[in-house]
Amino acid sequence: MRNHDKVPVKLSIDLKLSGKPLKASDEGEISLDTDNLKLLERKGSIQWMVEMKPGEEKELEYGYERYVPSY
């Protein structure tokens, strides 16, 4: 992402995942839906609070695992 504005901005980014989040860059906060812990039903999210200066570019990275059955 890139801040094209002339003033600093604060962003709140909430990413919902079908799977178990494992890692997140830039101090992303990982949470797992504890109501759905079966392999096929795992869900989680990652939330970032990001401050960007004018013209600044940033790339957020994350990793997760998802069970895919082989039939």
PDB file of N, CA and C in Angstrom:
ATOM      1  N   MET A   1       0.835  -1.153   0.000  1.00  0.00           N
ATOM      2  CA  MET A   1       0.000   0.000   0.000  1.00  0.00           C
ATOM      3  C   MET A   1       0.891   1.229   0.000  1.00  0.00           C
ATOM      4  N   ARG A   2       0.313   2.362  -0.381  1.00  0.00           N
ATOM      5  CA  ARG A   2       1.078   3.594  -0.444  1.00  0.00           C
ATOM      6  C   ARG A   2       0.197   4.776  -0.038  1.00  0.00           C
ATOM      7  N   ASN A   3       0.773   5.671   0.719  1.00  0.00           N
ATOM      8  CA  ASN A   3       0.067   6.888   1.124  1.00  0.00           C
ATOM      9  C   ASN A   3       0.321   7.972   0.072  1.00  0.00           C
ATOM     10  N   HIS A   4      -0.682   8.244  -0.732  1.00  0.00           N
ATOM     11  CA  HIS A   4      -0.564   9.271  -1.766  1.00  0.00           C
ATOM     12  C   HIS A   4      -0.961  10.657  -1.249  1.00  0.00           C
ATOM     13  N   ASP A   5      -1.378  10.730  -0.006  1.00  0.00           N
ATOM     14  CA  ASP A   5      -1.808  12.002   0.571  1.00  0.00           C
ATOM     15  C   ASP A   5      -0.603  12.804   1.053  1.00  0.00           C
ATOM     16  N   LYS A   6      -0.824  14.066   1.369  1.00  0.00           N
ATOM     17  CA  LYS A   6       0.257  14.938   1.838  1.00  0.00           C
ATOM     18  C   LYS A   6       0.336  15.002   3.353  1.00  0.00           C
ATOM     19  N   VAL A   7      -0.502  14.224   4.008  1.00  0.00           N
ATOM     20  CA  VAL A   7      -0.509  14.179   5.470  1.00  0.00           C
ATOM     21  C   VAL A   7      -0.375  12.722   5.919  1.00  0.00           C
ATOM     22  N   PRO A   8       0.134  12.496   7.125  1.00  0.00           N
ATOM     23  CA  PRO A   8       0.212  11.122   7.644  1.00  0.00           C
ATOM     24  C   PRO A   8      -1.191  10.534   7.810  1.00  0.00           C
ATOM     25  N   VAL A   9      -1.314   9.230   7.667  1.00  0.00           N
ATOM     26  CA  VAL A   9      -2.596   8.552   7.847  1.00  0.00           C
ATOM     27  C   VAL A   9      -2.443   7.371   8.798  1.00  0.00           C
ATOM     28  N   LYS A  10      -3.529   7.038   9.469  1.00  0.00           N
ATOM     29  CA  LYS A  10      -3.583   5.860  10.327  1.00  0.00           C
ATOM     30  C   LYS A  10      -4.596   4.910   9.712  1.00  0.00           C
ATOM     31  N   LEU A  11      -4.201   3.661   9.540  1.00  0.00           N
ATOM     32  CA  LEU A  11      -5.056   2.660   8.929  1.00  0.00           C
ATOM     33  C   LEU A  11      -5.326   1.521   9.904  1.00  0.00           C
ATOM     34  N   SER A  12      -6.541   1.036   9.877  1.00  0.00           N
ATOM     35  CA  SER A  12      -6.904  -0.160  10.604  1.00  0.00           C
ATOM     36  C   SER A  12      -7.278  -1.203   9.558  1.00  0.00           C
ATOM     37  N   ILE A  13      -6.542  -2.313   9.521  1.00  0.00           N
ATOM     38  CA  ILE A  13      -6.756  -3.353   8.523  1.00  0.00           C
ATOM     39  C   ILE A  13      -7.116  -4.635   9.248  1.00  0.00           C
ATOM     40  N   ASP A  14      -8.240  -5.231   8.871  1.00  0.00           N
ATOM     41  CA  ASP A  14      -8.716  -6.463   9.494  1.00  0.00           C
ATOM     42  C   ASP A  14      -8.895  -7.517   8.402  1.00  0.00           C
ATOM     43  N   LEU A  15      -8.062  -8.539   8.423  1.00  0.00           N
ATOM     44  CA  LEU A  15      -8.073  -9.595   7.416  1.00  0.00           C
ATOM     45  C   LEU A  15      -8.673 -10.862   8.009  1.00  0.00           C
ATOM     46  N   LYS A  16      -9.768 -11.343   7.437  1.00  0.00           N
ATOM     47  CA  LYS A  16     -10.399 -12.594   7.861  1.00  0.00           C
ATOM     48  C   LYS A  16      -9.832 -13.733   7.013  1.00  0.00           C
ATOM     49  N   LEU A  17      -9.512 -14.845   7.661  1.00  0.00           N
ATOM     50  CA  LEU A  17      -8.909 -15.984   6.966  1.00  0.00           C
ATOM     51  C   LEU A  17      -9.717 -17.251   7.175  1.00  0.00           C
ATOM     52  N   SER A  18      -9.799 -18.070   6.146  1.00  0.00           N
ATOM     53  CA  SER A  18     -10.338 -19.425   6.263  1.00  0.00           C
ATOM     54  C   SER A  18      -9.148 -20.338   6.506  1.00  0.00           C
ATOM     55  N   GLY A  19      -8.777 -20.470   7.736  1.00  0.00           N
ATOM     56  CA  GLY A  19      -7.610 -21.243   8.122  1.00  0.00           C
ATOM     57  C   GLY A  19      -7.035 -20.688   9.413  1.00  0.00           C
ATOM     58  N   LYS A  20      -5.905 -21.237   9.826  1.00  0.00           N
ATOM     59  CA  LYS A  20      -5.254 -20.837  11.077  1.00  0.00           C
ATOM     60  C   LYS A  20      -4.121 -19.868  10.778  1.00  0.00           C
ATOM     61  N   PRO A  21      -4.233 -18.595  11.214  1.00  0.00           N
ATOM     62  CA  PRO A  21      -3.140 -17.653  11.007  1.00  0.00           C
ATOM     63  C   PRO A  21      -1.921 -18.054  11.831  1.00  0.00           C
ATOM     64  N   LEU A  22      -0.739 -17.959  11.224  1.00  0.00           N
ATOM     65  CA  LEU A  22       0.488 -18.380  11.895  1.00  0.00           C
ATOM     66  C   LEU A  22       1.433 -17.222  12.205  1.00  0.00           C
ATOM     67  N   LYS A  23       1.535 -16.265  11.279  1.00  0.00           N
ATOM     68  CA  LYS A  23       2.470 -15.162  11.490  1.00  0.00           C
ATOM     69  C   LYS A  23       1.961 -13.922  10.759  1.00  0.00           C
ATOM     70  N   ALA A  24       2.408 -12.773  11.256  1.00  0.00           N
ATOM     71  CA  ALA A  24       2.018 -11.503  10.645  1.00  0.00           C
ATOM     72  C   ALA A  24       3.144 -10.492  10.848  1.00  0.00           C
ATOM     73  N   SER A  25       3.441  -9.743   9.799  1.00  0.00           N
ATOM     74  CA  SER A  25       4.481  -8.721   9.885  1.00  0.00           C
ATOM     75  C   SER A  25       3.932  -7.467  10.567  1.00  0.00           C
ATOM     76  N   ASP A  26       4.809  -6.546  10.855  1.00  0.00           N
ATOM     77  CA  ASP A  26       4.442  -5.221  11.363  1.00  0.00           C
ATOM     78  C   ASP A  26       3.525  -5.263  12.577  1.00  0.00           C
ATOM     79  N   GLU A  27       3.820  -6.180  13.487  1.00  0.00           N
ATOM     80  CA  GLU A  27       3.084  -6.290  14.745  1.00  0.00           C
ATOM     81  C   GLU A  27       1.592  -6.561  14.544  1.00  0.00           C
ATOM     82  N   GLY A  28       1.263  -7.302  13.488  1.00  0.00           N
ATOM     83  CA  GLY A  28      -0.132  -7.685  13.272  1.00  0.00           C
ATOM     84  C   GLY A  28      -0.606  -8.583  14.400  1.00  0.00           C
ATOM     85  N   GLU A  29      -1.824  -8.351  14.860  1.00  0.00           N
ATOM     86  CA  GLU A  29      -2.376  -9.116  15.971  1.00  0.00           C
ATOM     87  C   GLU A  29      -3.181 -10.296  15.424  1.00  0.00           C
ATOM     88  N   ILE A  30      -2.755 -11.492  15.778  1.00  0.00           N
ATOM     89  CA  ILE A  30      -3.367 -12.721  15.298  1.00  0.00           C
ATOM     90  C   ILE A  30      -4.417 -13.193  16.295  1.00  0.00           C
ATOM     91  N   SER A  31      -5.578 -13.604  15.768  1.00  0.00           N
ATOM     92  CA  SER A  31      -6.585 -14.220  16.629  1.00  0.00           C
ATOM     93  C   SER A  31      -7.197 -15.417  15.912  1.00  0.00           C
ATOM     94  N   LEU A  32      -7.557 -16.423  16.691  1.00  0.00           N
ATOM     95  CA  LEU A  32      -8.135 -17.652  16.172  1.00  0.00           C
ATOM     96  C   LEU A  32      -9.541 -17.799  16.727  1.00  0.00           C
ATOM     97  N   ASP A  33     -10.487 -18.132  15.869  1.00  0.00           N
ATOM     98  CA  ASP A  33     -11.871 -18.360  16.283  1.00  0.00           C
ATOM     99  C   ASP A  33     -11.913 -19.682  17.047  1.00  0.00           C
ATOM    100  N   THR A  34     -12.050 -19.614  18.361  1.00  0.00           N
ATOM    101  CA  THR A  34     -12.002 -20.825  19.188  1.00  0.00           C
ATOM    102  C   THR A  34     -13.292 -21.631  19.140  1.00  0.00           C
ATOM    103  N   ASP A  35     -14.325 -21.130  18.461  1.00  0.00           N
ATOM    104  CA  ASP A  35     -15.559 -21.890  18.297  1.00  0.00           C
ATOM    105  C   ASP A  35     -15.456 -22.883  17.143  1.00  0.00           C
ATOM    106  N   ASN A  36     -14.478 -22.689  16.259  1.00  0.00           N
ATOM    107  CA  ASN A  36     -14.319 -23.547  15.087  1.00  0.00           C
ATOM    108  C   ASN A  36     -12.896 -24.084  15.028  1.00  0.00           C
ATOM    109  N   LEU A  37     -12.633 -25.146  15.769  1.00  0.00           N
ATOM    110  CA  LEU A  37     -11.277 -25.681  15.832  1.00  0.00           C
ATOM    111  C   LEU A  37     -11.077 -26.953  15.007  1.00  0.00           C
ATOM    112  N   LYS A  38     -12.140 -27.479  14.404  1.00  0.00           N
ATOM    113  CA  LYS A  38     -11.985 -28.644  13.531  1.00  0.00           C
ATOM    114  C   LYS A  38     -11.186 -28.224  12.312  1.00  0.00           C
ATOM    115  N   LEU A  39     -10.403 -29.142  11.765  1.00  0.00           N
ATOM    116  CA  LEU A  39      -9.515 -28.810  10.646  1.00  0.00           C
ATOM    117  C   LEU A  39     -10.224 -28.115   9.494  1.00  0.00           C
ATOM    118  N   LEU A  40     -11.403 -28.600   9.120  1.00  0.00           N
ATOM    119  CA  LEU A  40     -12.114 -28.022   7.973  1.00  0.00           C
ATOM    120  C   LEU A  40     -12.818 -26.711   8.303  1.00  0.00           C
ATOM    121  N   GLU A  41     -12.950 -26.402   9.595  1.00  0.00           N
ATOM    122  CA  GLU A  41     -13.709 -25.213   9.989  1.00  0.00           C
ATOM    123  C   GLU A  41     -12.850 -24.101  10.586  1.00  0.00           C
ATOM    124  N   ARG A  42     -11.556 -24.282  10.644  1.00  0.00           N
ATOM    125  CA  ARG A  42     -10.691 -23.279  11.276  1.00  0.00           C
ATOM    126  C   ARG A  42     -10.845 -21.921  10.613  1.00  0.00           C
ATOM    127  N   LYS A  43     -10.932 -20.907  11.465  1.00  0.00           N
ATOM    128  CA  LYS A  43     -11.020 -19.528  10.985  1.00  0.00           C
ATOM    129  C   LYS A  43     -10.210 -18.647  11.928  1.00  0.00           C
ATOM    130  N   GLY A  44      -9.706 -17.572  11.386  1.00  0.00           N
ATOM    131  CA  GLY A  44      -8.955 -16.643  12.199  1.00  0.00           C
ATOM    132  C   GLY A  44      -8.899 -15.290  11.528  1.00  0.00           C
ATOM    133  N   SER A  45      -8.192 -14.380  12.148  1.00  0.00           N
ATOM    134  CA  SER A  45      -8.048 -13.049  11.571  1.00  0.00           C
ATOM    135  C   SER A  45      -6.725 -12.436  12.015  1.00  0.00           C
ATOM    136  N   ILE A  46      -6.335 -11.424  11.275  1.00  0.00           N
ATOM    137  CA  ILE A  46      -5.151 -10.640  11.612  1.00  0.00           C
ATOM    138  C   ILE A  46      -5.554  -9.185  11.525  1.00  0.00           C
ATOM    139  N   GLN A  47      -5.179  -8.427  12.541  1.00  0.00           N
ATOM    140  CA  GLN A  47      -5.500  -7.001  12.549  1.00  0.00           C
ATOM    141  C   GLN A  47      -4.219  -6.190  12.680  1.00  0.00           C
ATOM    142  N   TRP A  48      -4.090  -5.194  11.814  1.00  0.00           N
ATOM    143  CA  TRP A  48      -2.959  -4.277  11.839  1.00  0.00           C
ATOM    144  C   TRP A  48      -3.456  -2.865  12.109  1.00  0.00           C
ATOM    145  N   MET A  49      -2.692  -2.141  12.879  1.00  0.00           N
ATOM    146  CA  MET A  49      -2.862  -0.692  13.046  1.00  0.00           C
ATOM    147  C   MET A  49      -1.588  -0.084  12.465  1.00  0.00           C
ATOM    148  N   VAL A  50      -1.715   0.604  11.339  1.00  0.00           N
ATOM    149  CA  VAL A  50      -0.556   1.080  10.600  1.00  0.00           C
ATOM    150  C   VAL A  50      -0.605   2.592  10.472  1.00  0.00           C
ATOM    151  N   GLU A  51       0.516   3.242  10.759  1.00  0.00           N
ATOM    152  CA  GLU A  51       0.663   4.677  10.520  1.00  0.00           C
ATOM    153  C   GLU A  51       1.629   4.849   9.357  1.00  0.00           C
ATOM    154  N   MET A  52       1.210   5.673   8.388  1.00  0.00           N
ATOM    155  CA  MET A  52       2.048   5.882   7.209  1.00  0.00           C
ATOM    156  C   MET A  52       2.282   7.369   6.983  1.00  0.00           C
ATOM    157  N   LYS A  53       3.533   7.704   6.722  1.00  0.00           N
ATOM    158  CA  LYS A  53       3.910   9.081   6.418  1.00  0.00           C
ATOM    159  C   LYS A  53       3.557   9.387   4.962  1.00  0.00           C
ATOM    160  N   PRO A  54       3.500  10.651   4.586  1.00  0.00           N
ATOM    161  CA  PRO A  54       3.221  10.996   3.189  1.00  0.00           C
ATOM    162  C   PRO A  54       4.232  10.338   2.245  1.00  0.00           C
ATOM    163  N   GLY A  55       3.727   9.697   1.193  1.00  0.00           N
ATOM    164  CA  GLY A  55       4.589   9.054   0.211  1.00  0.00           C
ATOM    165  C   GLY A  55       5.150   7.705   0.627  1.00  0.00           C
ATOM    166  N   GLU A  56       4.907   7.272   1.839  1.00  0.00           N
ATOM    167  CA  GLU A  56       5.465   6.011   2.332  1.00  0.00           C
ATOM    168  C   GLU A  56       4.751   4.814   1.705  1.00  0.00           C
ATOM    169  N   GLU A  57       5.523   3.771   1.407  1.00  0.00           N
ATOM    170  CA  GLU A  57       4.994   2.509   0.902  1.00  0.00           C
ATOM    171  C   GLU A  57       5.229   1.437   1.951  1.00  0.00           C
ATOM    172  N   LYS A  58       4.296   0.508   2.041  1.00  0.00           N
ATOM    173  CA  LYS A  58       4.423  -0.570   3.025  1.00  0.00           C
ATOM    174  C   LYS A  58       3.776  -1.827   2.461  1.00  0.00           C
ATOM    175  N   GLU A  59       4.394  -2.961   2.732  1.00  0.00           N
ATOM    176  CA  GLU A  59       3.852  -4.249   2.326  1.00  0.00           C
ATOM    177  C   GLU A  59       3.675  -5.094   3.572  1.00  0.00           C
ATOM    178  N   LEU A  60       2.454  -5.542   3.825  1.00  0.00           N
ATOM    179  CA  LEU A  60       2.174  -6.387   4.965  1.00  0.00           C
ATOM    180  C   LEU A  60       2.246  -7.845   4.518  1.00  0.00           C
ATOM    181  N   GLU A  61       2.837  -8.671   5.356  1.00  0.00           N
ATOM    182  CA  GLU A  61       2.972 -10.087   5.036  1.00  0.00           C
ATOM    183  C   GLU A  61       2.367 -10.924   6.150  1.00  0.00           C
ATOM    184  N   TYR A  62       1.850 -12.088   5.768  1.00  0.00           N
ATOM    185  CA  TYR A  62       1.267 -12.993   6.748  1.00  0.00           C
ATOM    186  C   TYR A  62       1.378 -14.425   6.244  1.00  0.00           C
ATOM    187  N   GLY A  63       1.209 -15.352   7.162  1.00  0.00           N
ATOM    188  CA  GLY A  63       1.212 -16.763   6.814  1.00  0.00           C
ATOM    189  C   GLY A  63       0.102 -17.466   7.562  1.00  0.00           C
ATOM    190  N   TYR A  64      -0.474 -18.470   6.922  1.00  0.00           N
ATOM    191  CA  TYR A  64      -1.523 -19.242   7.570  1.00  0.00           C
ATOM    192  C   TYR A  64      -1.523 -20.664   7.009  1.00  0.00           C
ATOM    193  N   GLU A  65      -2.187 -21.564   7.737  1.00  0.00           N
ATOM    194  CA  GLU A  65      -2.309 -22.920   7.238  1.00  0.00           C
ATOM    195  C   GLU A  65      -3.793 -23.237   7.076  1.00  0.00           C
ATOM    196  N   ARG A  66      -4.058 -23.998   6.037  1.00  0.00           N
ATOM    197  CA  ARG A  66      -5.437 -24.382   5.756  1.00  0.00           C
ATOM    198  C   ARG A  66      -5.454 -25.848   5.370  1.00  0.00           C
ATOM    199  N   TYR A  67      -6.356 -26.585   5.972  1.00  0.00           N
ATOM    200  CA  TYR A  67      -6.486 -28.007   5.682  1.00  0.00           C
ATOM    201  C   TYR A  67      -7.328 -28.180   4.422  1.00  0.00           C
ATOM    202  N   VAL A  68      -6.814 -28.906   3.466  1.00  0.00           N
ATOM    203  CA  VAL A  68      -7.532 -29.204   2.231  1.00  0.00           C
ATOM    204  C   VAL A  68      -7.557 -30.724   2.099  1.00  0.00           C
ATOM    205  N   PRO A  69      -8.735 -31.334   2.239  1.00  0.00           N
ATOM    206  CA  PRO A  69      -8.795 -32.790   2.156  1.00  0.00           C
ATOM    207  C   PRO A  69      -8.559 -33.272   0.724  1.00  0.00           C
ATOM    208  N   SER A  70      -7.955 -34.443   0.620  1.00  0.00           N
ATOM    209  CA  SER A  70      -7.773 -35.053  -0.707  1.00  0.00           C
ATOM    210  C   SER A  70      -8.780 -36.198  -0.816  1.00  0.00           C
ATOM    211  N   TYR A  71      -9.640 -36.094  -1.763  1.00  0.00           N
ATOM    212  CA  TYR A  71     -10.691 -37.108  -1.950  1.00  0.00           C
ATOM    213  C   TYR A  71     -10.298 -38.090  -3.005  1.00  0.00           C
TER     214      TYR A  71
END
